[in-house]
Every structure is written in structure tokens, then in C-alpha cells.
Amino acid sequence: MSSRLGCLASESHALTTDGNLIHFTRHLRSVRTVLIAAALAGAMTGILLASQHASAYGVNYCAGWLPSGGSCVGPQHTITANIAYDDTGSDALVCEIAQYPGGGYYGGWGCGNGVSETCYPGNQLLKGEIYNDSIYWLYMNGTEFYSQGCP
């Protein structure tokens, strides 16, 4: 009987009492096994989700309406590209640039009708910035790319 129970601290009690304690001990082992399996599954899911975010290649930022002359700054990454979009479809003049984390600009402004893109070496932390250079309010967004070549 002891070989069937395995090596448990309660094994001696299981051998000296009636079948209720043996059943209770087996039930606790199965519950513990299920809880450990659930914890491992949750941990693996968390690792997969965290690594998926870490390997992302593009981040959209500042999606919304910007007034004429308005700008918005994105998050900090070792960016390889920054793109500004006019999402209204009017092909209005939009601009983009990259900023150093402490302020100041890397390079110059890139502008275009409806979309503008500038590529960067991806070897230092920068923040993308988009700018509405039209005379109208525009629904704009920016996209920073990192961990890949310039798209």
C-alpha cells in the first residue's frame, strides 16, 4: 500500500487509520497538482505576452486631432524610423522629427503631403514627434519603428 501512496509525510497516518484519511490525502495531492499546473500555465502565458511586447517593431502614438501648428511627442525607443500620417485623407502637410530624451532634435524636420517618414540608425534612444503644418485641424498619428531596418 505504501508504494501506491508515494513518499508523503502523512503516509504513516494513512496506514494506521481507515480509508477516509487516505482518500483525503489523495484528494489534496490532486488539488495541489491542479494548482501547480494552473500556476505554471499562467506564468508561461505571462512570459509569452511579455516577450511578444518586447519584440514589437512598430508603436503608434499620438492618434488624435491636432490643431494647425500642433505637435505631439511619442515614447522613447532606439527608433529606426518615424512616420507622421494625416488620417483625414486630405493629403495635408504633415511633419515629423526625432528628439533626444533630454530635449533637442536629432536631424531636421521631414515633411510631406499626407505622410512623412525619416529613417534613423537605431543606435540611440529617441522619441518621435509629429507636427501639423497645415492650416486646418488634422486627425494625425505617428508610428515609431525599432528593432528592424527602416520600413
N, C-alpha and C. Protein backbone atom coordinates (compact mmCIF):
# COMPACT_ATOMS: atom_id res chain seq x y z
N MET A 1 0.81 -1.19 0.00
CA MET A 1 0.00 0.00 0.00
C MET A 1 0.86 1.26 0.00
N SER A 2 1.98 1.26 0.72
CA SER A 2 2.80 2.46 0.80
C SER A 2 3.43 2.81 -0.54
N SER A 3 3.71 1.83 -1.39
CA SER A 3 4.26 2.15 -2.70
C SER A 3 3.23 2.85 -3.58
N ARG A 4 1.95 2.60 -3.36
CA ARG A 4 0.90 3.26 -4.12
C ARG A 4 0.72 4.71 -3.68
N LEU A 5 0.96 5.01 -2.43
CA LEU A 5 0.76 6.36 -1.92
C LEU A 5 1.92 7.29 -2.26
N GLY A 6 3.08 6.77 -2.47
CA GLY A 6 4.24 7.61 -2.70
C GLY A 6 4.84 8.00 -1.37
N CYS A 7 5.81 8.89 -1.40
CA CYS A 7 6.51 9.29 -0.19
C CYS A 7 5.87 10.57 0.34
N LEU A 8 4.97 10.45 1.30
CA LEU A 8 4.28 11.59 1.89
C LEU A 8 4.55 11.65 3.37
N ALA A 9 4.52 12.84 3.94
CA ALA A 9 4.68 12.99 5.38
C ALA A 9 3.52 12.32 6.11
N SER A 10 2.36 12.30 5.51
CA SER A 10 1.18 11.72 6.16
C SER A 10 1.03 10.25 5.88
N GLU A 11 2.04 9.61 5.28
CA GLU A 11 1.92 8.20 4.90
C GLU A 11 1.71 7.31 6.12
N SER A 12 2.40 7.59 7.21
CA SER A 12 2.23 6.73 8.39
C SER A 12 0.81 6.86 8.94
N HIS A 13 0.22 8.02 8.90
CA HIS A 13 -1.16 8.20 9.34
C HIS A 13 -2.12 7.47 8.42
N ALA A 14 -1.80 7.48 7.11
CA ALA A 14 -2.67 6.83 6.16
C ALA A 14 -2.70 5.33 6.37
N LEU A 15 -1.62 4.76 6.86
CA LEU A 15 -1.56 3.32 7.06
C LEU A 15 -2.24 2.90 8.37
N THR A 16 -2.37 3.83 9.32
CA THR A 16 -2.91 3.46 10.63
C THR A 16 -4.37 3.83 10.81
N THR A 17 -4.95 4.52 9.89
CA THR A 17 -6.35 4.91 10.03
C THR A 17 -7.18 4.25 8.95
N ASP A 18 -8.46 4.54 8.99
CA ASP A 18 -9.34 3.95 7.97
C ASP A 18 -9.14 4.62 6.61
N GLY A 19 -9.86 4.27 5.62
CA GLY A 19 -9.72 4.74 4.25
C GLY A 19 -10.02 6.20 4.05
N ASN A 20 -10.67 6.89 5.00
CA ASN A 20 -11.03 8.30 4.82
C ASN A 20 -9.80 9.20 4.72
N LEU A 21 -8.79 8.95 5.55
CA LEU A 21 -7.59 9.78 5.52
C LEU A 21 -6.81 9.54 4.23
N ILE A 22 -6.76 8.30 3.76
CA ILE A 22 -6.08 8.01 2.50
C ILE A 22 -6.78 8.74 1.36
N HIS A 23 -8.11 8.71 1.33
CA HIS A 23 -8.85 9.41 0.29
C HIS A 23 -8.61 10.91 0.38
N PHE A 24 -8.59 11.47 1.61
CA PHE A 24 -8.35 12.90 1.81
C PHE A 24 -6.96 13.28 1.32
N THR A 25 -5.95 12.47 1.62
CA THR A 25 -4.58 12.75 1.20
C THR A 25 -4.48 12.73 -0.32
N ARG A 26 -5.09 11.75 -0.96
CA ARG A 26 -5.07 11.69 -2.42
C ARG A 26 -5.77 12.89 -3.03
N HIS A 27 -6.88 13.33 -2.43
CA HIS A 27 -7.61 14.50 -2.92
C HIS A 27 -6.74 15.76 -2.83
N LEU A 28 -6.02 15.91 -1.71
CA LEU A 28 -5.15 17.07 -1.55
C LEU A 28 -4.02 17.06 -2.59
N ARG A 29 -3.47 15.89 -2.88
CA ARG A 29 -2.42 15.80 -3.89
C ARG A 29 -2.95 16.18 -5.26
N SER A 30 -4.15 15.78 -5.61
CA SER A 30 -4.70 16.12 -6.92
C SER A 30 -5.02 17.61 -7.00
N VAL A 31 -5.52 18.20 -5.93
CA VAL A 31 -5.79 19.64 -5.91
C VAL A 31 -4.49 20.41 -6.05
N ARG A 32 -3.46 19.97 -5.32
CA ARG A 32 -2.15 20.63 -5.39
C ARG A 32 -1.59 20.52 -6.81
N THR A 33 -1.73 19.39 -7.44
CA THR A 33 -1.24 19.21 -8.81
C THR A 33 -1.96 20.15 -9.77
N VAL A 34 -3.27 20.28 -9.61
CA VAL A 34 -4.04 21.19 -10.47
C VAL A 34 -3.61 22.63 -10.25
N LEU A 35 -3.40 23.04 -8.98
CA LEU A 35 -2.99 24.41 -8.69
C LEU A 35 -1.59 24.70 -9.24
N ILE A 36 -0.69 23.75 -9.12
CA ILE A 36 0.66 23.95 -9.67
C ILE A 36 0.60 24.05 -11.19
N ALA A 37 -0.20 23.21 -11.82
CA ALA A 37 -0.34 23.26 -13.28
C ALA A 37 -0.93 24.60 -13.72
N ALA A 38 -1.93 25.10 -12.99
CA ALA A 38 -2.54 26.40 -13.32
C ALA A 38 -1.53 27.53 -13.15
N ALA A 39 -0.73 27.46 -12.07
CA ALA A 39 0.28 28.50 -11.84
C ALA A 39 1.33 28.49 -12.94
N LEU A 40 1.77 27.30 -13.34
CA LEU A 40 2.75 27.21 -14.43
C LEU A 40 2.18 27.71 -15.75
N ALA A 41 0.93 27.36 -16.03
CA ALA A 41 0.30 27.84 -17.26
C ALA A 41 0.18 29.36 -17.25
N GLY A 42 -0.19 29.93 -16.11
CA GLY A 42 -0.28 31.39 -16.00
C GLY A 42 1.07 32.05 -16.18
N ALA A 43 2.11 31.47 -15.59
CA ALA A 43 3.46 32.02 -15.73
C ALA A 43 3.93 31.96 -17.18
N MET A 44 3.68 30.85 -17.84
CA MET A 44 4.08 30.72 -19.24
C MET A 44 3.32 31.71 -20.13
N THR A 45 2.04 31.91 -19.86
CA THR A 45 1.27 32.89 -20.61
C THR A 45 1.82 34.28 -20.40
N GLY A 46 2.17 34.62 -19.17
CA GLY A 46 2.76 35.92 -18.88
C GLY A 46 4.07 36.14 -19.59
N ILE A 47 4.91 35.12 -19.62
CA ILE A 47 6.19 35.21 -20.32
C ILE A 47 5.97 35.42 -21.81
N LEU A 48 5.03 34.68 -22.38
CA LEU A 48 4.75 34.83 -23.82
C LEU A 48 4.24 36.22 -24.14
N LEU A 49 3.34 36.75 -23.31
CA LEU A 49 2.80 38.09 -23.57
C LEU A 49 3.87 39.15 -23.39
N ALA A 50 4.71 39.01 -22.38
CA ALA A 50 5.77 40.00 -22.15
C ALA A 50 6.79 39.97 -23.28
N SER A 51 7.15 38.79 -23.75
CA SER A 51 8.13 38.72 -24.82
C SER A 51 7.54 39.19 -26.14
N GLN A 52 6.24 39.01 -26.33
CA GLN A 52 5.61 39.49 -27.56
C GLN A 52 5.69 41.01 -27.61
N HIS A 53 5.45 41.68 -26.47
CA HIS A 53 5.53 43.13 -26.44
C HIS A 53 6.97 43.59 -26.65
N ALA A 54 7.91 42.87 -26.08
CA ALA A 54 9.31 43.27 -26.18
C ALA A 54 9.83 43.14 -27.61
N SER A 55 9.25 42.27 -28.40
CA SER A 55 9.75 42.09 -29.76
C SER A 55 8.93 42.87 -30.77
N ALA A 56 8.10 43.80 -30.31
CA ALA A 56 7.28 44.59 -31.23
C ALA A 56 8.18 45.45 -32.10
N TYR A 57 7.74 45.74 -33.32
CA TYR A 57 8.55 46.51 -34.25
C TYR A 57 8.00 47.90 -34.52
N GLY A 58 6.76 48.15 -34.24
CA GLY A 58 6.19 49.45 -34.50
C GLY A 58 5.24 49.85 -33.40
N VAL A 59 5.28 51.12 -33.02
CA VAL A 59 4.41 51.63 -31.97
C VAL A 59 3.70 52.86 -32.51
N ASN A 60 2.37 52.82 -32.53
CA ASN A 60 1.60 54.01 -32.90
C ASN A 60 1.53 54.93 -31.69
N TYR A 61 1.58 56.22 -31.95
CA TYR A 61 1.49 57.19 -30.85
C TYR A 61 0.73 58.42 -31.32
N CYS A 62 0.19 59.14 -30.37
CA CYS A 62 -0.46 60.44 -30.59
C CYS A 62 -1.58 60.40 -31.63
N ALA A 63 -2.38 59.36 -31.64
CA ALA A 63 -3.52 59.31 -32.57
C ALA A 63 -4.60 60.24 -32.04
N GLY A 64 -4.94 61.25 -32.82
CA GLY A 64 -5.97 62.20 -32.41
C GLY A 64 -5.90 63.48 -33.23
N TRP A 65 -6.80 64.39 -32.88
CA TRP A 65 -6.88 65.66 -33.60
C TRP A 65 -5.81 66.61 -33.11
N LEU A 66 -5.09 67.21 -34.06
CA LEU A 66 -4.09 68.24 -33.74
C LEU A 66 -4.47 69.53 -34.46
N PRO A 67 -4.40 70.66 -33.75
CA PRO A 67 -4.70 71.94 -34.40
C PRO A 67 -3.56 72.33 -35.33
N SER A 68 -3.81 73.30 -36.16
CA SER A 68 -2.76 73.85 -37.01
C SER A 68 -1.60 74.30 -36.13
N GLY A 69 -0.41 73.83 -36.44
CA GLY A 69 0.76 74.17 -35.62
C GLY A 69 0.93 73.28 -34.40
N GLY A 70 0.04 72.33 -34.19
CA GLY A 70 0.11 71.45 -33.02
C GLY A 70 1.09 70.31 -33.24
N SER A 71 1.67 69.84 -32.14
CA SER A 71 2.60 68.72 -32.21
C SER A 71 2.37 67.77 -31.05
N CYS A 72 2.93 66.58 -31.16
CA CYS A 72 2.79 65.58 -30.12
C CYS A 72 4.03 64.69 -30.15
N VAL A 73 4.52 64.30 -28.97
CA VAL A 73 5.75 63.51 -28.85
C VAL A 73 5.41 62.10 -28.40
N GLY A 74 6.06 61.12 -29.02
CA GLY A 74 5.83 59.71 -28.72
C GLY A 74 6.76 59.17 -27.65
N PRO A 75 6.71 57.85 -27.44
CA PRO A 75 7.54 57.21 -26.42
C PRO A 75 9.00 57.09 -26.88
N GLN A 76 9.84 56.72 -25.96
CA GLN A 76 11.28 56.63 -26.20
C GLN A 76 11.66 55.20 -26.60
N HIS A 77 12.39 55.08 -27.72
CA HIS A 77 12.91 53.80 -28.22
C HIS A 77 14.20 54.07 -28.97
N THR A 78 14.90 53.02 -29.32
CA THR A 78 16.02 53.16 -30.26
C THR A 78 15.41 53.05 -31.66
N ILE A 79 14.80 54.13 -32.10
CA ILE A 79 13.98 54.08 -33.32
C ILE A 79 14.83 54.00 -34.58
N THR A 80 14.27 53.29 -35.56
CA THR A 80 14.89 53.21 -36.89
C THR A 80 14.09 54.00 -37.91
N ALA A 81 12.86 54.37 -37.55
CA ALA A 81 12.03 55.20 -38.44
C ALA A 81 10.95 55.90 -37.62
N ASN A 82 10.56 57.06 -38.09
CA ASN A 82 9.45 57.81 -37.52
C ASN A 82 8.58 58.26 -38.70
N ILE A 83 7.27 57.97 -38.60
CA ILE A 83 6.36 58.30 -39.69
C ILE A 83 5.20 59.11 -39.13
N ALA A 84 4.85 60.20 -39.82
CA ALA A 84 3.67 61.01 -39.48
C ALA A 84 2.62 60.79 -40.56
N TYR A 85 1.36 60.59 -40.13
CA TYR A 85 0.26 60.35 -41.07
C TYR A 85 -0.84 61.38 -40.88
N ASP A 86 -1.42 61.84 -41.99
CA ASP A 86 -2.66 62.60 -41.99
C ASP A 86 -3.78 61.59 -42.21
N ASP A 87 -4.50 61.25 -41.15
CA ASP A 87 -5.54 60.23 -41.26
C ASP A 87 -6.87 60.78 -41.77
N THR A 88 -6.93 62.07 -42.08
CA THR A 88 -8.17 62.61 -42.64
C THR A 88 -8.27 62.32 -44.13
N GLY A 89 -7.16 61.95 -44.75
CA GLY A 89 -7.16 61.67 -46.19
C GLY A 89 -7.09 62.92 -47.05
N SER A 90 -6.81 64.06 -46.46
CA SER A 90 -6.79 65.31 -47.22
C SER A 90 -5.43 65.61 -47.84
N ASP A 91 -4.44 64.77 -47.59
CA ASP A 91 -3.08 64.98 -48.07
C ASP A 91 -2.52 66.34 -47.64
N ALA A 92 -2.88 66.74 -46.43
CA ALA A 92 -2.37 68.00 -45.89
C ALA A 92 -0.91 67.82 -45.48
N LEU A 93 -0.22 68.93 -45.29
CA LEU A 93 1.20 68.91 -44.96
C LEU A 93 1.40 68.48 -43.51
N VAL A 94 2.10 67.36 -43.33
CA VAL A 94 2.43 66.84 -42.01
C VAL A 94 3.94 66.70 -41.91
N CYS A 95 4.47 66.85 -40.70
CA CYS A 95 5.92 66.79 -40.49
C CYS A 95 6.24 65.88 -39.31
N GLU A 96 7.48 65.41 -39.28
CA GLU A 96 7.96 64.59 -38.17
C GLU A 96 9.45 64.81 -37.97
N ILE A 97 9.88 64.51 -36.74
CA ILE A 97 11.29 64.64 -36.36
C ILE A 97 11.51 63.73 -35.16
N ALA A 98 12.77 63.50 -34.79
CA ALA A 98 13.09 62.73 -33.59
C ALA A 98 13.77 63.64 -32.58
N GLN A 99 13.44 63.40 -31.31
CA GLN A 99 14.02 64.18 -30.21
C GLN A 99 14.92 63.28 -29.37
N TYR A 100 15.94 63.89 -28.80
CA TYR A 100 16.73 63.20 -27.78
C TYR A 100 15.89 63.16 -26.50
N PRO A 101 16.10 62.16 -25.64
CA PRO A 101 15.30 62.08 -24.41
C PRO A 101 15.39 63.33 -23.53
N GLY A 102 16.55 63.98 -23.50
CA GLY A 102 16.71 65.18 -22.67
C GLY A 102 16.33 66.47 -23.37
N GLY A 103 15.81 66.40 -24.57
CA GLY A 103 15.48 67.59 -25.34
C GLY A 103 16.44 67.76 -26.51
N GLY A 104 16.12 68.64 -27.39
CA GLY A 104 16.93 68.84 -28.59
C GLY A 104 16.52 67.86 -29.68
N TYR A 105 16.80 68.23 -30.91
CA TYR A 105 16.36 67.43 -32.04
C TYR A 105 17.52 66.68 -32.68
N TYR A 106 17.21 65.51 -33.20
CA TYR A 106 18.15 64.70 -33.97
C TYR A 106 17.82 64.94 -35.44
N GLY A 107 18.71 65.57 -36.16
CA GLY A 107 18.46 65.85 -37.57
C GLY A 107 17.48 66.99 -37.75
N GLY A 108 16.81 66.99 -38.90
CA GLY A 108 15.87 68.06 -39.21
C GLY A 108 14.47 67.52 -39.44
N TRP A 109 13.54 68.43 -39.64
CA TRP A 109 12.15 68.07 -39.88
C TRP A 109 12.01 67.42 -41.25
N GLY A 110 11.20 66.39 -41.31
CA GLY A 110 10.80 65.80 -42.57
C GLY A 110 9.33 66.10 -42.78
N CYS A 111 8.94 66.59 -43.94
CA CYS A 111 7.54 66.95 -44.19
C CYS A 111 7.06 66.35 -45.51
N GLY A 112 5.76 66.12 -45.59
CA GLY A 112 5.19 65.58 -46.81
C GLY A 112 3.69 65.78 -46.83
N ASN A 113 3.10 65.59 -48.00
CA ASN A 113 1.65 65.72 -48.15
C ASN A 113 0.97 64.40 -47.78
N GLY A 114 0.35 64.38 -46.62
CA GLY A 114 -0.36 63.20 -46.16
C GLY A 114 0.47 62.24 -45.35
N VAL A 115 1.76 62.15 -45.64
CA VAL A 115 2.65 61.25 -44.90
C VAL A 115 4.07 61.74 -45.02
N SER A 116 4.86 61.51 -43.97
CA SER A 116 6.27 61.84 -43.98
C SER A 116 7.02 60.79 -43.17
N GLU A 117 8.17 60.37 -43.67
CA GLU A 117 8.97 59.34 -43.00
C GLU A 117 10.43 59.70 -43.02
N THR A 118 11.10 59.48 -41.89
CA THR A 118 12.55 59.65 -41.79
C THR A 118 13.13 58.40 -41.13
N CYS A 119 14.27 57.96 -41.64
CA CYS A 119 14.94 56.78 -41.09
C CYS A 119 16.11 57.21 -40.21
N TYR A 120 16.41 56.37 -39.21
CA TYR A 120 17.46 56.63 -38.23
C TYR A 120 18.29 55.37 -38.05
N PRO A 121 19.53 55.52 -37.53
CA PRO A 121 20.39 54.33 -37.40
C PRO A 121 19.93 53.31 -36.35
N GLY A 122 19.12 53.71 -35.38
CA GLY A 122 18.64 52.77 -34.37
C GLY A 122 19.66 52.45 -33.30
N ASN A 123 20.63 53.33 -33.08
CA ASN A 123 21.67 53.07 -32.11
C ASN A 123 21.63 53.97 -30.88
N GLN A 124 20.55 54.78 -30.75
CA GLN A 124 20.40 55.61 -29.56
C GLN A 124 18.93 55.86 -29.28
N LEU A 125 18.64 56.16 -28.03
CA LEU A 125 17.26 56.41 -27.63
C LEU A 125 16.77 57.73 -28.20
N LEU A 126 15.62 57.68 -28.86
CA LEU A 126 15.00 58.88 -29.43
C LEU A 126 13.49 58.79 -29.22
N LYS A 127 12.82 59.92 -29.33
CA LYS A 127 11.35 60.00 -29.27
C LYS A 127 10.85 60.66 -30.54
N GLY A 128 9.90 60.03 -31.19
CA GLY A 128 9.32 60.62 -32.39
C GLY A 128 8.38 61.77 -32.05
N GLU A 129 8.32 62.75 -32.94
CA GLU A 129 7.38 63.87 -32.78
C GLU A 129 6.69 64.11 -34.11
N ILE A 130 5.38 64.35 -34.06
CA ILE A 130 4.63 64.69 -35.27
C ILE A 130 4.15 66.13 -35.15
N TYR A 131 3.95 66.77 -36.30
CA TYR A 131 3.59 68.19 -36.33
C TYR A 131 2.59 68.44 -37.45
N ASN A 132 1.53 69.18 -37.16
CA ASN A 132 0.53 69.56 -38.15
C ASN A 132 0.96 70.89 -38.78
N ASP A 133 1.44 70.83 -40.01
CA ASP A 133 1.90 72.03 -40.71
C ASP A 133 0.86 72.57 -41.68
N SER A 134 -0.37 72.09 -41.57
CA SER A 134 -1.44 72.61 -42.44
C SER A 134 -2.16 73.76 -41.72
N ILE A 135 -3.09 74.39 -42.42
CA ILE A 135 -3.86 75.48 -41.80
C ILE A 135 -5.13 74.96 -41.14
N TYR A 136 -5.35 73.64 -41.19
CA TYR A 136 -6.57 73.03 -40.66
C TYR A 136 -6.25 72.08 -39.50
N TRP A 137 -7.25 71.78 -38.71
CA TRP A 137 -7.15 70.69 -37.74
C TRP A 137 -7.03 69.40 -38.53
N LEU A 138 -6.17 68.50 -38.08
CA LEU A 138 -5.99 67.20 -38.73
C LEU A 138 -6.07 66.08 -37.70
N TYR A 139 -6.66 64.98 -38.11
CA TYR A 139 -6.59 63.77 -37.30
C TYR A 139 -5.31 63.07 -37.74
N MET A 140 -4.32 63.03 -36.84
CA MET A 140 -2.99 62.53 -37.19
C MET A 140 -2.58 61.39 -36.26
N ASN A 141 -1.56 60.68 -36.65
CA ASN A 141 -0.89 59.75 -35.76
C ASN A 141 0.53 59.56 -36.24
N GLY A 142 1.37 59.12 -35.32
CA GLY A 142 2.74 58.81 -35.65
C GLY A 142 3.01 57.34 -35.40
N THR A 143 4.02 56.83 -36.06
CA THR A 143 4.47 55.46 -35.83
C THR A 143 5.98 55.45 -35.71
N GLU A 144 6.47 54.91 -34.60
CA GLU A 144 7.90 54.71 -34.42
C GLU A 144 8.21 53.24 -34.69
N PHE A 145 9.25 52.99 -35.46
CA PHE A 145 9.71 51.63 -35.70
C PHE A 145 11.06 51.45 -35.00
N TYR A 146 11.26 50.27 -34.46
CA TYR A 146 12.53 49.94 -33.81
C TYR A 146 12.78 48.44 -33.93
N SER A 147 13.99 48.02 -33.65
CA SER A 147 14.41 46.61 -33.71
C SER A 147 14.25 46.02 -35.10
N GLN A 148 14.35 46.82 -36.12
CA GLN A 148 14.31 46.37 -37.51
C GLN A 148 14.89 47.48 -38.36
N GLY A 149 15.08 47.22 -39.64
CA GLY A 149 15.53 48.25 -40.55
C GLY A 149 14.42 49.23 -40.85
N CYS A 150 14.75 50.26 -41.56
CA CYS A 150 13.75 51.27 -41.92
C CYS A 150 12.73 50.65 -42.88
N PRO A 151 11.43 50.76 -42.57
CA PRO A 151 10.43 50.12 -43.44
C PRO A 151 10.28 50.78 -44.79
